[in-house]
Amino acid sequence: MGLIKTAAKVAVASRVHAGVQRRQQQRWAAQDAAQVQGSAPPSAPAPATAPMDMKQQLELLAQLNELREAGALTEAEFSAKKAQILGT
């Protein structure tokens, strides 16, 4: 059972890491393009998200807590994402 939990945590952490890498690469590409053009990168409006039901929120918060406990998220990252999920 412990091996399965560990594998699940690794899978979640890998997915989060891939998402972070993808966002960083996009941000860096936009910054490079802005430097070439000599202007600041355009800021995109925050995407509108559909409200989540309580079950989805709890599942996401549990996953975030696991990532925080595993050391994949800092306390600040955890707090920011938690506030985003809860809509506060």
PDB file of N, CA and C in Angstrom:
ATOM      1  N   MET A   1       0.826  -1.194   0.000  1.00  0.00           N
ATOM      2  CA  MET A   1       0.000   0.000   0.000  1.00  0.00           C
ATOM      3  C   MET A   1       0.867   1.252   0.000  1.00  0.00           C
ATOM      4  N   GLY A   2       1.986   1.222   0.732  1.00  0.00           N
ATOM      5  CA  GLY A   2       2.868   2.379   0.786  1.00  0.00           C
ATOM      6  C   GLY A   2       3.459   2.708  -0.566  1.00  0.00           C
ATOM      7  N   LEU A   3       3.757   1.678  -1.345  1.00  0.00           N
ATOM      8  CA  LEU A   3       4.329   1.886  -2.670  1.00  0.00           C
ATOM      9  C   LEU A   3       3.322   2.576  -3.589  1.00  0.00           C
ATOM     10  N   ILE A   4       2.072   2.221  -3.463  1.00  0.00           N
ATOM     11  CA  ILE A   4       1.035   2.825  -4.303  1.00  0.00           C
ATOM     12  C   ILE A   4       0.868   4.299  -3.948  1.00  0.00           C
ATOM     13  N   LYS A   5       0.869   4.629  -2.659  1.00  0.00           N
ATOM     14  CA  LYS A   5       0.752   6.024  -2.245  1.00  0.00           C
ATOM     15  C   LYS A   5       1.936   6.836  -2.750  1.00  0.00           C
ATOM     16  N   THR A   6       3.113   6.273  -2.641  1.00  0.00           N
ATOM     17  CA  THR A   6       4.307   6.963  -3.109  1.00  0.00           C
ATOM     18  C   THR A   6       4.241   7.189  -4.613  1.00  0.00           C
ATOM     19  N   ALA A   7       3.811   6.181  -5.349  1.00  0.00           N
ATOM     20  CA  ALA A   7       3.694   6.315  -6.801  1.00  0.00           C
ATOM     21  C   ALA A   7       2.670   7.389  -7.160  1.00  0.00           C
ATOM     22  N   ALA A   8       1.575   7.460  -6.420  1.00  0.00           N
ATOM     23  CA  ALA A   8       0.555   8.478  -6.684  1.00  0.00           C
ATOM     24  C   ALA A   8       1.112   9.872  -6.412  1.00  0.00           C
ATOM     25  N   LYS A   9       1.862  10.025  -5.328  1.00  0.00           N
ATOM     26  CA  LYS A   9       2.457  11.322  -5.009  1.00  0.00           C
ATOM     27  C   LYS A   9       3.458  11.738  -6.080  1.00  0.00           C
ATOM     28  N   VAL A  10       4.245  10.795  -6.539  1.00  0.00           N
ATOM     29  CA  VAL A  10       5.225  11.089  -7.580  1.00  0.00           C
ATOM     30  C   VAL A  10       4.517  11.500  -8.866  1.00  0.00           C
ATOM     31  N   ALA A  11       3.427  10.829  -9.187  1.00  0.00           N
ATOM     32  CA  ALA A  11       2.683  11.165 -10.401  1.00  0.00           C
ATOM     33  C   ALA A  11       2.124  12.584 -10.320  1.00  0.00           C
ATOM     34  N   VAL A  12       1.569  12.944  -9.176  1.00  0.00           N
ATOM     35  CA  VAL A  12       1.018  14.289  -9.004  1.00  0.00           C
ATOM     36  C   VAL A  12       2.143  15.321  -9.064  1.00  0.00           C
ATOM     37  N   ALA A  13       3.227  15.046  -8.377  1.00  0.00           N
ATOM     38  CA  ALA A  13       4.353  15.984  -8.382  1.00  0.00           C
ATOM     39  C   ALA A  13       4.930  16.146  -9.783  1.00  0.00           C
ATOM     40  N   SER A  14       5.009  15.082 -10.539  1.00  0.00           N
ATOM     41  CA  SER A  14       5.519  15.160 -11.906  1.00  0.00           C
ATOM     42  C   SER A  14       4.615  16.010 -12.789  1.00  0.00           C
ATOM     43  N   ARG A  15       3.322  15.852 -12.601  1.00  0.00           N
ATOM     44  CA  ARG A  15       2.380  16.626 -13.409  1.00  0.00           C
ATOM     45  C   ARG A  15       2.462  18.112 -13.060  1.00  0.00           C
ATOM     46  N   VAL A  16       2.569  18.413 -11.778  1.00  0.00           N
ATOM     47  CA  VAL A  16       2.696  19.808 -11.360  1.00  0.00           C
ATOM     48  C   VAL A  16       3.999  20.391 -11.899  1.00  0.00           C
ATOM     49  N   HIS A  17       5.075  19.631 -11.800  1.00  0.00           N
ATOM     50  CA  HIS A  17       6.372  20.094 -12.295  1.00  0.00           C
ATOM     51  C   HIS A  17       6.310  20.384 -13.793  1.00  0.00           C
ATOM     52  N   ALA A  18       5.677  19.517 -14.545  1.00  0.00           N
ATOM     53  CA  ALA A  18       5.564  19.723 -15.992  1.00  0.00           C
ATOM     54  C   ALA A  18       4.768  20.990 -16.289  1.00  0.00           C
ATOM     55  N   GLY A  19       3.715  21.231 -15.530  1.00  0.00           N
ATOM     56  CA  GLY A  19       2.922  22.442 -15.728  1.00  0.00           C
ATOM     57  C   GLY A  19       3.712  23.698 -15.418  1.00  0.00           C
ATOM     58  N   VAL A  20       4.495  23.657 -14.349  1.00  0.00           N
ATOM     59  CA  VAL A  20       5.321  24.802 -13.978  1.00  0.00           C
ATOM     60  C   VAL A  20       6.354  25.060 -15.062  1.00  0.00           C
ATOM     61  N   GLN A  21       6.993  24.019 -15.541  1.00  0.00           N
ATOM     62  CA  GLN A  21       7.990  24.172 -16.603  1.00  0.00           C
ATOM     63  C   GLN A  21       7.375  24.787 -17.850  1.00  0.00           C
ATOM     64  N   ARG A  22       6.193  24.310 -18.235  1.00  0.00           N
ATOM     65  CA  ARG A  22       5.530  24.818 -19.428  1.00  0.00           C
ATOM     66  C   ARG A  22       5.212  26.308 -19.276  1.00  0.00           C
ATOM     67  N   ARG A  23       4.699  26.708 -18.102  1.00  0.00           N
ATOM     68  CA  ARG A  23       4.379  28.117 -17.882  1.00  0.00           C
ATOM     69  C   ARG A  23       5.636  28.977 -17.880  1.00  0.00           C
ATOM     70  N   GLN A  24       6.718  28.488 -17.290  1.00  0.00           N
ATOM     71  CA  GLN A  24       7.963  29.245 -17.282  1.00  0.00           C
ATOM     72  C   GLN A  24       8.493  29.435 -18.696  1.00  0.00           C
ATOM     73  N   GLN A  25       8.452  28.388 -19.497  1.00  0.00           N
ATOM     74  CA  GLN A  25       8.938  28.495 -20.869  1.00  0.00           C
ATOM     75  C   GLN A  25       8.115  29.490 -21.672  1.00  0.00           C
ATOM     76  N   GLN A  26       6.795  29.479 -21.460  1.00  0.00           N
ATOM     77  CA  GLN A  26       5.939  30.439 -22.154  1.00  0.00           C
ATOM     78  C   GLN A  26       6.258  31.865 -21.707  1.00  0.00           C
ATOM     79  N   ARG A  27       6.459  32.065 -20.407  1.00  0.00           N
ATOM     80  CA  ARG A  27       6.779  33.391 -19.885  1.00  0.00           C
ATOM     81  C   ARG A  27       8.119  33.875 -20.438  1.00  0.00           C
ATOM     82  N   TRP A  28       9.107  32.983 -20.453  1.00  0.00           N
ATOM     83  CA  TRP A  28      10.416  33.377 -20.969  1.00  0.00           C
ATOM     84  C   TRP A  28      10.359  33.692 -22.456  1.00  0.00           C
ATOM     85  N   ALA A  29       9.589  32.926 -23.199  1.00  0.00           N
ATOM     86  CA  ALA A  29       9.445  33.197 -24.629  1.00  0.00           C
ATOM     87  C   ALA A  29       8.795  34.561 -24.848  1.00  0.00           C
ATOM     88  N   ALA A  30       7.801  34.901 -24.046  1.00  0.00           N
ATOM     89  CA  ALA A  30       7.145  36.203 -24.166  1.00  0.00           C
ATOM     90  C   ALA A  30       8.105  37.328 -23.799  1.00  0.00           C
ATOM     91  N   GLN A  31       8.930  37.114 -22.767  1.00  0.00           N
ATOM     92  CA  GLN A  31       9.902  38.131 -22.382  1.00  0.00           C
ATOM     93  C   GLN A  31      10.944  38.319 -23.472  1.00  0.00           C
ATOM     94  N   ASP A  32      11.405  37.231 -24.077  1.00  0.00           N
ATOM     95  CA  ASP A  32      12.372  37.324 -25.163  1.00  0.00           C
ATOM     96  C   ASP A  32      11.786  38.078 -26.350  1.00  0.00           C
ATOM     97  N   ALA A  33      10.541  37.773 -26.682  1.00  0.00           N
ATOM     98  CA  ALA A  33       9.885  38.449 -27.798  1.00  0.00           C
ATOM     99  C   ALA A  33       9.727  39.937 -27.498  1.00  0.00           C
ATOM    100  N   ALA A  34       9.428  40.276 -26.253  1.00  0.00           N
ATOM    101  CA  ALA A  34       9.263  41.678 -25.876  1.00  0.00           C
ATOM    102  C   ALA A  34      10.591  42.422 -25.950  1.00  0.00           C
ATOM    103  N   GLN A  35      11.674  41.760 -25.575  1.00  0.00           N
ATOM    104  CA  GLN A  35      12.983  42.400 -25.649  1.00  0.00           C
ATOM    105  C   GLN A  35      13.371  42.666 -27.090  1.00  0.00           C
ATOM    106  N   VAL A  36      13.017  41.751 -27.972  1.00  0.00           N
ATOM    107  CA  VAL A  36      13.329  41.927 -29.386  1.00  0.00           C
ATOM    108  C   VAL A  36      12.534  43.098 -29.951  1.00  0.00           C
ATOM    109  N   GLN A  37      11.271  43.216 -29.538  1.00  0.00           N
ATOM    110  CA  GLN A  37      10.416  44.289 -30.031  1.00  0.00           C
ATOM    111  C   GLN A  37      10.627  45.587 -29.266  1.00  0.00           C
ATOM    112  N   GLY A  38      11.233  45.499 -28.078  1.00  0.00           N
ATOM    113  CA  GLY A  38      11.485  46.690 -27.289  1.00  0.00           C
ATOM    114  C   GLY A  38      10.290  47.159 -26.487  1.00  0.00           C
ATOM    115  N   SER A  39       9.354  46.276 -26.250  1.00  0.00           N
ATOM    116  CA  SER A  39       8.184  46.656 -25.446  1.00  0.00           C
ATOM    117  C   SER A  39       7.929  45.595 -24.395  1.00  0.00           C
ATOM    118  N   ALA A  40       7.060  45.913 -23.473  1.00  0.00           N
ATOM    119  CA  ALA A  40       6.702  44.969 -22.417  1.00  0.00           C
ATOM    120  C   ALA A  40       5.756  43.913 -22.972  1.00  0.00           C
ATOM    121  N   PRO A  41       5.799  42.697 -22.434  1.00  0.00           N
ATOM    122  CA  PRO A  41       4.887  41.660 -22.913  1.00  0.00           C
ATOM    123  C   PRO A  41       3.437  42.006 -22.564  1.00  0.00           C
ATOM    124  N   PRO A  42       2.516  41.693 -23.464  1.00  0.00           N
ATOM    125  CA  PRO A  42       1.114  41.981 -23.163  1.00  0.00           C
ATOM    126  C   PRO A  42       0.632  41.107 -22.019  1.00  0.00           C
ATOM    127  N   SER A  43      -0.102  41.710 -21.113  1.00  0.00           N
ATOM    128  CA  SER A  43      -0.620  40.930 -19.996  1.00  0.00           C
ATOM    129  C   SER A  43      -1.977  40.374 -20.370  1.00  0.00           C
ATOM    130  N   ALA A  44      -2.105  39.076 -20.247  1.00  0.00           N
ATOM    131  CA  ALA A  44      -3.356  38.413 -20.580  1.00  0.00           C
ATOM    132  C   ALA A  44      -4.297  38.490 -19.390  1.00  0.00           C
ATOM    133  N   PRO A  45      -5.582  38.689 -19.643  1.00  0.00           N
ATOM    134  CA  PRO A  45      -6.526  38.697 -18.527  1.00  0.00           C
ATOM    135  C   PRO A  45      -6.622  37.313 -17.907  1.00  0.00           C
ATOM    136  N   ALA A  46      -6.915  37.291 -16.623  1.00  0.00           N
ATOM    137  CA  ALA A  46      -7.043  36.015 -15.921  1.00  0.00           C
ATOM    138  C   ALA A  46      -8.220  35.240 -16.508  1.00  0.00           C
ATOM    139  N   PRO A  47      -8.029  33.955 -16.787  1.00  0.00           N
ATOM    140  CA  PRO A  47      -9.123  33.176 -17.362  1.00  0.00           C
ATOM    141  C   PRO A  47     -10.253  33.007 -16.347  1.00  0.00           C
ATOM    142  N   ALA A  48     -11.455  33.114 -16.847  1.00  0.00           N
ATOM    143  CA  ALA A  48     -12.608  32.917 -15.976  1.00  0.00           C
ATOM    144  C   ALA A  48     -12.785  31.427 -15.741  1.00  0.00           C
ATOM    145  N   THR A  49     -12.911  31.051 -14.492  1.00  0.00           N
ATOM    146  CA  THR A  49     -13.074  29.648 -14.177  1.00  0.00           C
ATOM    147  C   THR A  49     -14.476  29.401 -13.654  1.00  0.00           C
ATOM    148  N   ALA A  50     -14.990  28.260 -13.982  1.00  0.00           N
ATOM    149  CA  ALA A  50     -16.315  27.890 -13.503  1.00  0.00           C
ATOM    150  C   ALA A  50     -16.223  27.554 -12.018  1.00  0.00           C
ATOM    151  N   PRO A  51     -17.232  27.911 -11.250  1.00  0.00           N
ATOM    152  CA  PRO A  51     -17.179  27.585  -9.830  1.00  0.00           C
ATOM    153  C   PRO A  51     -17.148  26.076  -9.611  1.00  0.00           C
ATOM    154  N   MET A  52     -16.323  25.655  -8.677  1.00  0.00           N
ATOM    155  CA  MET A  52     -16.199  24.228  -8.377  1.00  0.00           C
ATOM    156  C   MET A  52     -17.145  23.864  -7.238  1.00  0.00           C
ATOM    157  N   ASP A  53     -17.574  22.632  -7.258  1.00  0.00           N
ATOM    158  CA  ASP A  53     -18.379  22.180  -6.126  1.00  0.00           C
ATOM    159  C   ASP A  53     -17.441  21.828  -4.967  1.00  0.00           C
ATOM    160  N   MET A  54     -18.013  21.634  -3.815  1.00  0.00           N
ATOM    161  CA  MET A  54     -17.233  21.410  -2.591  1.00  0.00           C
ATOM    162  C   MET A  54     -16.345  20.173  -2.703  1.00  0.00           C
ATOM    163  N   LYS A  55     -16.833  19.120  -3.340  1.00  0.00           N
ATOM    164  CA  LYS A  55     -16.059  17.877  -3.463  1.00  0.00           C
ATOM    165  C   LYS A  55     -14.783  18.120  -4.271  1.00  0.00           C
ATOM    166  N   GLN A  56     -14.895  18.853  -5.380  1.00  0.00           N
ATOM    167  CA  GLN A  56     -13.726  19.146  -6.202  1.00  0.00           C
ATOM    168  C   GLN A  56     -12.718  19.995  -5.427  1.00  0.00           C
ATOM    169  N   GLN A  57     -13.230  20.982  -4.684  1.00  0.00           N
ATOM    170  CA  GLN A  57     -12.346  21.826  -3.903  1.00  0.00           C
ATOM    171  C   GLN A  57     -11.578  21.011  -2.865  1.00  0.00           C
ATOM    172  N   LEU A  58     -12.283  20.123  -2.179  1.00  0.00           N
ATOM    173  CA  LEU A  58     -11.630  19.301  -1.158  1.00  0.00           C
ATOM    174  C   LEU A  58     -10.570  18.382  -1.763  1.00  0.00           C
ATOM    175  N   GLU A  59     -10.866  17.809  -2.931  1.00  0.00           N
ATOM    176  CA  GLU A  59      -9.893  16.938  -3.596  1.00  0.00           C
ATOM    177  C   GLU A  59      -8.641  17.722  -3.979  1.00  0.00           C
ATOM    178  N   LEU A  60      -8.827  18.912  -4.542  1.00  0.00           N
ATOM    179  CA  LEU A  60      -7.682  19.725  -4.932  1.00  0.00           C
ATOM    180  C   LEU A  60      -6.863  20.157  -3.712  1.00  0.00           C
ATOM    181  N   LEU A  61      -7.560  20.528  -2.646  1.00  0.00           N
ATOM    182  CA  LEU A  61      -6.844  20.929  -1.437  1.00  0.00           C
ATOM    183  C   LEU A  61      -6.064  19.768  -0.834  1.00  0.00           C
ATOM    184  N   ALA A  62      -6.628  18.565  -0.895  1.00  0.00           N
ATOM    185  CA  ALA A  62      -5.914  17.387  -0.389  1.00  0.00           C
ATOM    186  C   ALA A  62      -4.658  17.127  -1.214  1.00  0.00           C
ATOM    187  N   GLN A  63      -4.768  17.259  -2.541  1.00  0.00           N
ATOM    188  CA  GLN A  63      -3.597  17.059  -3.402  1.00  0.00           C
ATOM    189  C   GLN A  63      -2.532  18.121  -3.122  1.00  0.00           C
ATOM    190  N   LEU A  64      -2.976  19.366  -2.953  1.00  0.00           N
ATOM    191  CA  LEU A  64      -2.024  20.432  -2.654  1.00  0.00           C
ATOM    192  C   LEU A  64      -1.311  20.179  -1.337  1.00  0.00           C
ATOM    193  N   ASN A  65      -2.066  19.715  -0.343  1.00  0.00           N
ATOM    194  CA  ASN A  65      -1.467  19.434   0.955  1.00  0.00           C
ATOM    195  C   ASN A  65      -0.421  18.321   0.836  1.00  0.00           C
ATOM    196  N   GLU A  66      -0.717  17.299   0.043  1.00  0.00           N
ATOM    197  CA  GLU A  66       0.252  16.217  -0.162  1.00  0.00           C
ATOM    198  C   GLU A  66       1.525  16.750  -0.809  1.00  0.00           C
ATOM    199  N   LEU A  67       1.361  17.639  -1.793  1.00  0.00           N
ATOM    200  CA  LEU A  67       2.528  18.215  -2.454  1.00  0.00           C
ATOM    201  C   LEU A  67       3.341  19.080  -1.493  1.00  0.00           C
ATOM    202  N   ARG A  68       2.639  19.812  -0.631  1.00  0.00           N
ATOM    203  CA  ARG A  68       3.335  20.648   0.349  1.00  0.00           C
ATOM    204  C   ARG A  68       4.110  19.776   1.325  1.00  0.00           C
ATOM    205  N   GLU A  69       3.468  18.700   1.804  1.00  0.00           N
ATOM    206  CA  GLU A  69       4.129  17.808   2.748  1.00  0.00           C
ATOM    207  C   GLU A  69       5.304  17.077   2.109  1.00  0.00           C
ATOM    208  N   ALA A  70       5.212  16.814   0.800  1.00  0.00           N
ATOM    209  CA  ALA A  70       6.300  16.140   0.093  1.00  0.00           C
ATOM    210  C   ALA A  70       7.443  17.100  -0.229  1.00  0.00           C
ATOM    211  N   GLY A  71       7.204  18.405  -0.027  1.00  0.00           N
ATOM    212  CA  GLY A  71       8.245  19.394  -0.300  1.00  0.00           C
ATOM    213  C   GLY A  71       8.218  19.927  -1.718  1.00  0.00           C
ATOM    214  N   ALA A  72       7.198  19.571  -2.501  1.00  0.00           N
ATOM    215  CA  ALA A  72       7.113  20.039  -3.881  1.00  0.00           C
ATOM    216  C   ALA A  72       6.579  21.463  -3.965  1.00  0.00           C
ATOM    217  N   LEU A  73       5.866  21.924  -2.933  1.00  0.00           N
ATOM    218  CA  LEU A  73       5.334  23.281  -2.889  1.00  0.00           C
ATOM    219  C   LEU A  73       5.829  23.977  -1.632  1.00  0.00           C
ATOM    220  N   THR A  74       6.100  25.265  -1.779  1.00  0.00           N
ATOM    221  CA  THR A  74       6.437  26.055  -0.590  1.00  0.00           C
ATOM    222  C   THR A  74       5.143  26.457   0.100  1.00  0.00           C
ATOM    223  N   GLU A  75       5.275  26.960   1.299  1.00  0.00           N
ATOM    224  CA  GLU A  75       4.091  27.402   2.048  1.00  0.00           C
ATOM    225  C   GLU A  75       3.384  28.541   1.314  1.00  0.00           C
ATOM    226  N   ALA A  76       4.161  29.446   0.710  1.00  0.00           N
ATOM    227  CA  ALA A  76       3.574  30.575  -0.019  1.00  0.00           C
ATOM    228  C   ALA A  76       2.809  30.093  -1.250  1.00  0.00           C
ATOM    229  N   GLU A  77       3.394  29.143  -1.991  1.00  0.00           N
ATOM    230  CA  GLU A  77       2.712  28.594  -3.165  1.00  0.00           C
ATOM    231  C   GLU A  77       1.427  27.886  -2.756  1.00  0.00           C
ATOM    232  N   PHE A  78       1.498  27.129  -1.660  1.00  0.00           N
ATOM    233  CA  PHE A  78       0.324  26.424  -1.156  1.00  0.00           C
ATOM    234  C   PHE A  78      -0.775  27.414  -0.785  1.00  0.00           C
ATOM    235  N   SER A  79      -0.413  28.466  -0.058  1.00  0.00           N
ATOM    236  CA  SER A  79      -1.400  29.459   0.375  1.00  0.00           C
ATOM    237  C   SER A  79      -2.036  30.177  -0.794  1.00  0.00           C
ATOM    238  N   ALA A  80      -1.217  30.518  -1.793  1.00  0.00           N
ATOM    239  CA  ALA A  80      -1.751  31.227  -2.955  1.00  0.00           C
ATOM    240  C   ALA A  80      -2.732  30.346  -3.728  1.00  0.00           C
ATOM    241  N   LYS A  81      -2.364  29.105  -3.952  1.00  0.00           N
ATOM    242  CA  LYS A  81      -3.236  28.202  -4.699  1.00  0.00           C
ATOM    243  C   LYS A  81      -4.504  27.882  -3.902  1.00  0.00           C
ATOM    244  N   LYS A  82      -4.360  27.753  -2.577  1.00  0.00           N
ATOM    245  CA  LYS A  82      -5.512  27.482  -1.717  1.00  0.00           C
ATOM    246  C   LYS A  82      -6.505  28.637  -1.801  1.00  0.00           C
ATOM    247  N   ALA A  83      -5.994  29.859  -1.757  1.00  0.00           N
ATOM    248  CA  ALA A  83      -6.873  31.032  -1.852  1.00  0.00           C
ATOM    249  C   ALA A  83      -7.573  31.075  -3.211  1.00  0.00           C
ATOM    250  N   GLN A  84      -6.850  30.686  -4.255  1.00  0.00           N
ATOM    251  CA  GLN A  84      -7.438  30.666  -5.602  1.00  0.00           C
ATOM    252  C   GLN A  84      -8.563  29.623  -5.674  1.00  0.00           C
ATOM    253  N   ILE A  85      -8.333  28.458  -5.115  1.00  0.00           N
ATOM    254  CA  ILE A  85      -9.339  27.394  -5.143  1.00  0.00           C
ATOM    255  C   ILE A  85     -10.579  27.797  -4.349  1.00  0.00           C
ATOM    256  N   LEU A  86     -10.340  28.391  -3.185  1.00  0.00           N
ATOM    257  CA  LEU A  86     -11.460  28.767  -2.324  1.00  0.00           C
ATOM    258  C   LEU A  86     -12.134  30.062  -2.777  1.00  0.00           C
ATOM    259  N   GLY A  87     -11.504  30.765  -3.716  1.00  0.00           N
ATOM    260  CA  GLY A  87     -12.102  31.983  -4.231  1.00  0.00           C
ATOM    261  C   GLY A  87     -12.015  33.149  -3.267  1.00  0.00           C
ATOM    262  N   THR A  88     -10.955  33.153  -2.458  1.00  0.00           N
ATOM    263  CA  THR A  88     -10.788  34.253  -1.501  1.00  0.00           C
ATOM    264  C   THR A  88      -9.638  35.119  -1.884  1.00  0.00           C
TER     265      THR A  88
END
